[in-house]
Amino acid sequence: MSLDIMSDDQGASRQTFLKIVRHVRRDRRISGSLDMTVASHLNCNMPKYQRSLISQLRLGVLPLRIETGRFTGLDVVDRLCQVCAGNHVENEIHFLFECSEYNEYRNELETAINATFSELSIQEKFDKVFSHPHSLSRYVTLAYKKRQEKMYKAV
């Protein structure tokens, strides 16, 4: 006899909730699974600000246009990067791997983690960069600072 403490209604509600959560974040979730272990960057000796930026990036809440555009009601296709001259939606993939304004920092990151991003799939890229939290924190900090300077430069 099993000791199931959830009623059938509670179990169904939990399954419905999990489906909704997966659906809402499906297109922006960086990790392919709901891993409940502590992320490696949280155990690293780095400033709180850097840990926070990496956490925001992982959770899909770093204030990129993909996130901030929903506050103003912009369609996803209109949430374009205002840092580069390209016509690309500014999402986590664009910020990490595509934006031409961050090429210098990206080249440093590739060298530091011994990777060539052009040879990897998106998931392999994410796996590689998140397995090197110190190198990733340097990239994210520099790129995000440059983004802030370009977008909010003093007039």
C-alpha atoms as a PDB file:
ATOM      1  CA  MET A   1       0.000   0.000   0.000  1.00  0.00           C
ATOM      2  CA  SER A   2       1.460   3.410  -0.934  1.00  0.00           C
ATOM      3  CA  LEU A   3       1.352   6.382   1.375  1.00  0.00           C
ATOM      4  CA  ASP A   4       0.127   9.040  -1.021  1.00  0.00           C
ATOM      5  CA  ILE A   5      -0.581  12.180   0.998  1.00  0.00           C
ATOM      6  CA  MET A   6      -1.910  14.153  -1.978  1.00  0.00           C
ATOM      7  CA  SER A   7      -5.455  13.712  -3.101  1.00  0.00           C
ATOM      8  CA  ASP A   8      -6.116  13.196  -6.792  1.00  0.00           C
ATOM      9  CA  ASP A   9      -7.268  16.829  -7.073  1.00  0.00           C
ATOM     10  CA  GLN A  10      -4.060  18.146  -5.522  1.00  0.00           C
ATOM     11  CA  GLY A  11      -1.960  15.928  -7.779  1.00  0.00           C
ATOM     12  CA  ALA A  12      -3.834  17.130 -10.858  1.00  0.00           C
ATOM     13  CA  SER A  13      -3.456  20.749  -9.758  1.00  0.00           C
ATOM     14  CA  ARG A  14       0.270  20.287  -9.256  1.00  0.00           C
ATOM     15  CA  GLN A  15       0.635  18.747 -12.724  1.00  0.00           C
ATOM     16  CA  THR A  16      -1.344  21.621 -14.257  1.00  0.00           C
ATOM     17  CA  PHE A  17       0.838  24.143 -12.415  1.00  0.00           C
ATOM     18  CA  LEU A  18       4.037  22.473 -13.640  1.00  0.00           C
ATOM     19  CA  LYS A  19       2.753  22.479 -17.240  1.00  0.00           C
ATOM     20  CA  ILE A  20       1.993  26.200 -17.000  1.00  0.00           C
ATOM     21  CA  VAL A  21       5.415  26.995 -15.529  1.00  0.00           C
ATOM     22  CA  ARG A  22       7.156  25.016 -18.255  1.00  0.00           C
ATOM     23  CA  HIS A  23       5.050  26.684 -20.946  1.00  0.00           C
ATOM     24  CA  VAL A  24       5.611  30.242 -19.681  1.00  0.00           C
ATOM     25  CA  ARG A  25       9.403  29.920 -19.526  1.00  0.00           C
ATOM     26  CA  ARG A  26       9.856  27.333 -22.276  1.00  0.00           C
ATOM     27  CA  ASP A  27      11.263  29.737 -24.844  1.00  0.00           C
ATOM     28  CA  ARG A  28      13.682  31.471 -22.458  1.00  0.00           C
ATOM     29  CA  ARG A  29      14.705  28.854 -19.930  1.00  0.00           C
ATOM     30  CA  ILE A  30      18.438  28.317 -20.106  1.00  0.00           C
ATOM     31  CA  SER A  31      18.586  24.929 -18.459  1.00  0.00           C
ATOM     32  CA  GLY A  32      16.694  22.111 -20.096  1.00  0.00           C
ATOM     33  CA  SER A  33      15.569  20.618 -16.798  1.00  0.00           C
ATOM     34  CA  LEU A  34      14.284  21.744 -13.448  1.00  0.00           C
ATOM     35  CA  ASP A  35      17.500  20.956 -11.594  1.00  0.00           C
ATOM     36  CA  MET A  36      17.098  21.643  -7.877  1.00  0.00           C
ATOM     37  CA  THR A  37      20.822  21.687  -7.034  1.00  0.00           C
ATOM     38  CA  VAL A  38      22.644  24.878  -6.115  1.00  0.00           C
ATOM     39  CA  ALA A  39      24.022  26.609  -9.201  1.00  0.00           C
ATOM     40  CA  SER A  40      27.820  26.532  -9.353  1.00  0.00           C
ATOM     41  CA  HIS A  41      28.192  30.318  -9.545  1.00  0.00           C
ATOM     42  CA  LEU A  42      26.498  30.693  -6.156  1.00  0.00           C
ATOM     43  CA  ASN A  43      29.325  28.812  -4.455  1.00  0.00           C
ATOM     44  CA  CYS A  44      32.087  30.801  -6.152  1.00  0.00           C
ATOM     45  CA  ASN A  45      34.119  33.528  -4.557  1.00  0.00           C
ATOM     46  CA  MET A  46      32.886  36.496  -6.571  1.00  0.00           C
ATOM     47  CA  PRO A  47      31.136  39.758  -5.735  1.00  0.00           C
ATOM     48  CA  LYS A  48      27.415  39.626  -5.014  1.00  0.00           C
ATOM     49  CA  TYR A  49      26.727  41.901  -8.009  1.00  0.00           C
ATOM     50  CA  GLN A  50      28.314  39.381 -10.393  1.00  0.00           C
ATOM     51  CA  ARG A  51      26.458  36.436  -8.843  1.00  0.00           C
ATOM     52  CA  SER A  52      23.262  38.442  -9.175  1.00  0.00           C
ATOM     53  CA  LEU A  53      23.832  39.186 -12.871  1.00  0.00           C
ATOM     54  CA  ILE A  54      24.464  35.504 -13.628  1.00  0.00           C
ATOM     55  CA  SER A  55      21.387  34.472 -11.641  1.00  0.00           C
ATOM     56  CA  GLN A  56      19.238  37.008 -13.490  1.00  0.00           C
ATOM     57  CA  LEU A  57      20.599  35.741 -16.797  1.00  0.00           C
ATOM     58  CA  ARG A  58      19.879  32.105 -15.874  1.00  0.00           C
ATOM     59  CA  LEU A  59      16.360  32.941 -14.723  1.00  0.00           C
ATOM     60  CA  GLY A  60      15.518  35.044 -17.780  1.00  0.00           C
ATOM     61  CA  VAL A  61      14.992  38.242 -15.773  1.00  0.00           C
ATOM     62  CA  LEU A  62      18.130  40.196 -16.682  1.00  0.00           C
ATOM     63  CA  PRO A  63      16.719  43.539 -17.867  1.00  0.00           C
ATOM     64  CA  LEU A  64      17.215  42.900 -21.574  1.00  0.00           C
ATOM     65  CA  ARG A  65      14.621  44.116 -24.088  1.00  0.00           C
ATOM     66  CA  ILE A  66      12.976  40.684 -24.177  1.00  0.00           C
ATOM     67  CA  GLU A  67      12.104  41.200 -20.518  1.00  0.00           C
ATOM     68  CA  THR A  68      11.596  44.977 -20.265  1.00  0.00           C
ATOM     69  CA  GLY A  69       9.530  45.097 -23.454  1.00  0.00           C
ATOM     70  CA  ARG A  70       6.756  43.086 -21.889  1.00  0.00           C
ATOM     71  CA  PHE A  71       6.283  45.807 -19.258  1.00  0.00           C
ATOM     72  CA  THR A  72       5.435  48.290 -22.016  1.00  0.00           C
ATOM     73  CA  GLY A  73       3.399  45.831 -24.084  1.00  0.00           C
ATOM     74  CA  LEU A  74       5.844  45.512 -26.984  1.00  0.00           C
ATOM     75  CA  ASP A  75       5.436  42.486 -29.216  1.00  0.00           C
ATOM     76  CA  VAL A  76       8.354  40.091 -28.916  1.00  0.00           C
ATOM     77  CA  VAL A  77       9.501  40.835 -32.480  1.00  0.00           C
ATOM     78  CA  ASP A  78       9.737  44.540 -31.582  1.00  0.00           C
ATOM     79  CA  ARG A  79      11.992  44.030 -28.557  1.00  0.00           C
ATOM     80  CA  LEU A  80      15.105  44.783 -30.563  1.00  0.00           C
ATOM     81  CA  CYS A  81      18.624  45.261 -29.302  1.00  0.00           C
ATOM     82  CA  GLN A  82      19.374  48.957 -28.942  1.00  0.00           C
ATOM     83  CA  VAL A  83      23.097  48.357 -28.480  1.00  0.00           C
ATOM     84  CA  CYS A  84      24.095  46.949 -31.869  1.00  0.00           C
ATOM     85  CA  ALA A  85      23.162  48.072 -35.339  1.00  0.00           C
ATOM     86  CA  GLY A  86      21.564  44.696 -36.088  1.00  0.00           C
ATOM     87  CA  ASN A  87      17.856  44.087 -36.235  1.00  0.00           C
ATOM     88  CA  HIS A  88      17.782  41.331 -33.620  1.00  0.00           C
ATOM     89  CA  VAL A  89      15.546  40.642 -30.641  1.00  0.00           C
ATOM     90  CA  GLU A  90      17.629  41.273 -27.535  1.00  0.00           C
ATOM     91  CA  ASN A  91      17.277  38.042 -25.597  1.00  0.00           C
ATOM     92  CA  GLU A  92      19.735  35.974 -23.589  1.00  0.00           C
ATOM     93  CA  ILE A  93      21.098  34.214 -26.680  1.00  0.00           C
ATOM     94  CA  HIS A  94      21.710  37.507 -28.471  1.00  0.00           C
ATOM     95  CA  PHE A  95      23.312  39.045 -25.374  1.00  0.00           C
ATOM     96  CA  LEU A  96      25.672  36.119 -24.787  1.00  0.00           C
ATOM     97  CA  PHE A  97      26.497  34.838 -28.244  1.00  0.00           C
ATOM     98  CA  GLU A  98      25.440  37.188 -31.043  1.00  0.00           C
ATOM     99  CA  CYS A  99      25.552  40.927 -30.285  1.00  0.00           C
ATOM    100  CA  SER A 100      28.427  42.442 -32.265  1.00  0.00           C
ATOM    101  CA  GLU A 101      29.065  45.104 -29.609  1.00  0.00           C
ATOM    102  CA  TYR A 102      30.337  42.427 -27.220  1.00  0.00           C
ATOM    103  CA  ASN A 103      32.664  40.588 -29.642  1.00  0.00           C
ATOM    104  CA  GLU A 104      35.792  41.657 -27.762  1.00  0.00           C
ATOM    105  CA  TYR A 105      34.466  40.269 -24.481  1.00  0.00           C
ATOM    106  CA  ARG A 106      33.091  37.158 -26.201  1.00  0.00           C
ATOM    107  CA  ASN A 107      36.498  36.402 -27.746  1.00  0.00           C
ATOM    108  CA  GLU A 108      38.064  36.641 -24.277  1.00  0.00           C
ATOM    109  CA  LEU A 109      35.376  34.293 -22.943  1.00  0.00           C
ATOM    110  CA  GLU A 110      35.958  31.740 -25.719  1.00  0.00           C
ATOM    111  CA  THR A 111      39.690  31.800 -25.032  1.00  0.00           C
ATOM    112  CA  ALA A 112      39.214  31.509 -21.265  1.00  0.00           C
ATOM    113  CA  ILE A 113      36.904  28.486 -21.514  1.00  0.00           C
ATOM    114  CA  ASN A 114      38.683  26.931 -24.513  1.00  0.00           C
ATOM    115  CA  ALA A 115      35.641  26.907 -26.778  1.00  0.00           C
ATOM    116  CA  THR A 116      34.645  28.003 -30.268  1.00  0.00           C
ATOM    117  CA  PHE A 117      31.015  29.050 -30.095  1.00  0.00           C
ATOM    118  CA  SER A 118      30.462  28.785 -33.846  1.00  0.00           C
ATOM    119  CA  GLU A 119      31.012  25.010 -33.570  1.00  0.00           C
ATOM    120  CA  LEU A 120      28.526  24.441 -30.728  1.00  0.00           C
ATOM    121  CA  SER A 121      24.746  24.180 -30.498  1.00  0.00           C
ATOM    122  CA  ILE A 122      22.906  26.708 -28.336  1.00  0.00           C
ATOM    123  CA  GLN A 123      22.512  24.212 -25.473  1.00  0.00           C
ATOM    124  CA  GLU A 124      26.207  23.255 -25.688  1.00  0.00           C
ATOM    125  CA  LYS A 125      27.127  26.948 -25.548  1.00  0.00           C
ATOM    126  CA  PHE A 126      25.022  27.479 -22.429  1.00  0.00           C
ATOM    127  CA  ASP A 127      26.400  24.342 -20.807  1.00  0.00           C
ATOM    128  CA  LYS A 128      29.961  25.425 -21.553  1.00  0.00           C
ATOM    129  CA  VAL A 129      29.675  29.019 -20.307  1.00  0.00           C
ATOM    130  CA  PHE A 130      27.732  28.135 -17.162  1.00  0.00           C
ATOM    131  CA  SER A 131      30.327  25.515 -16.254  1.00  0.00           C
ATOM    132  CA  HIS A 132      32.910  28.345 -16.054  1.00  0.00           C
ATOM    133  CA  PRO A 133      31.296  30.831 -13.655  1.00  0.00           C
ATOM    134  CA  HIS A 134      34.306  33.119 -13.191  1.00  0.00           C
ATOM    135  CA  SER A 135      34.832  33.578 -16.927  1.00  0.00           C
ATOM    136  CA  LEU A 136      31.098  34.021 -17.441  1.00  0.00           C
ATOM    137  CA  SER A 137      30.888  36.596 -14.658  1.00  0.00           C
ATOM    138  CA  ARG A 138      33.656  38.642 -16.288  1.00  0.00           C
ATOM    139  CA  TYR A 139      31.864  38.563 -19.648  1.00  0.00           C
ATOM    140  CA  VAL A 140      28.418  39.377 -18.240  1.00  0.00           C
ATOM    141  CA  THR A 141      29.745  42.191 -16.048  1.00  0.00           C
ATOM    142  CA  LEU A 142      31.685  43.852 -18.876  1.00  0.00           C
ATOM    143  CA  ALA A 143      28.979  43.360 -21.498  1.00  0.00           C
ATOM    144  CA  TYR A 144      26.193  44.553 -19.216  1.00  0.00           C
ATOM    145  CA  LYS A 145      28.221  47.622 -18.198  1.00  0.00           C
ATOM    146  CA  LYS A 146      28.818  48.457 -21.868  1.00  0.00           C
ATOM    147  CA  ARG A 147      25.105  47.961 -22.538  1.00  0.00           C
ATOM    148  CA  GLN A 148      24.174  50.324 -19.725  1.00  0.00           C
ATOM    149  CA  GLU A 149      26.664  52.946 -20.937  1.00  0.00           C
ATOM    150  CA  LYS A 150      25.376  52.818 -24.532  1.00  0.00           C
ATOM    151  CA  MET A 151      21.722  52.851 -23.612  1.00  0.00           C
ATOM    152  CA  TYR A 152      21.820  55.411 -20.827  1.00  0.00           C
ATOM    153  CA  LYS A 153      24.776  57.605 -21.701  1.00  0.00           C
ATOM    154  CA  ALA A 154      24.654  61.087 -20.214  1.00  0.00           C
ATOM    155  CA  VAL A 155      23.164  63.698 -22.488  1.00  0.00           C
END
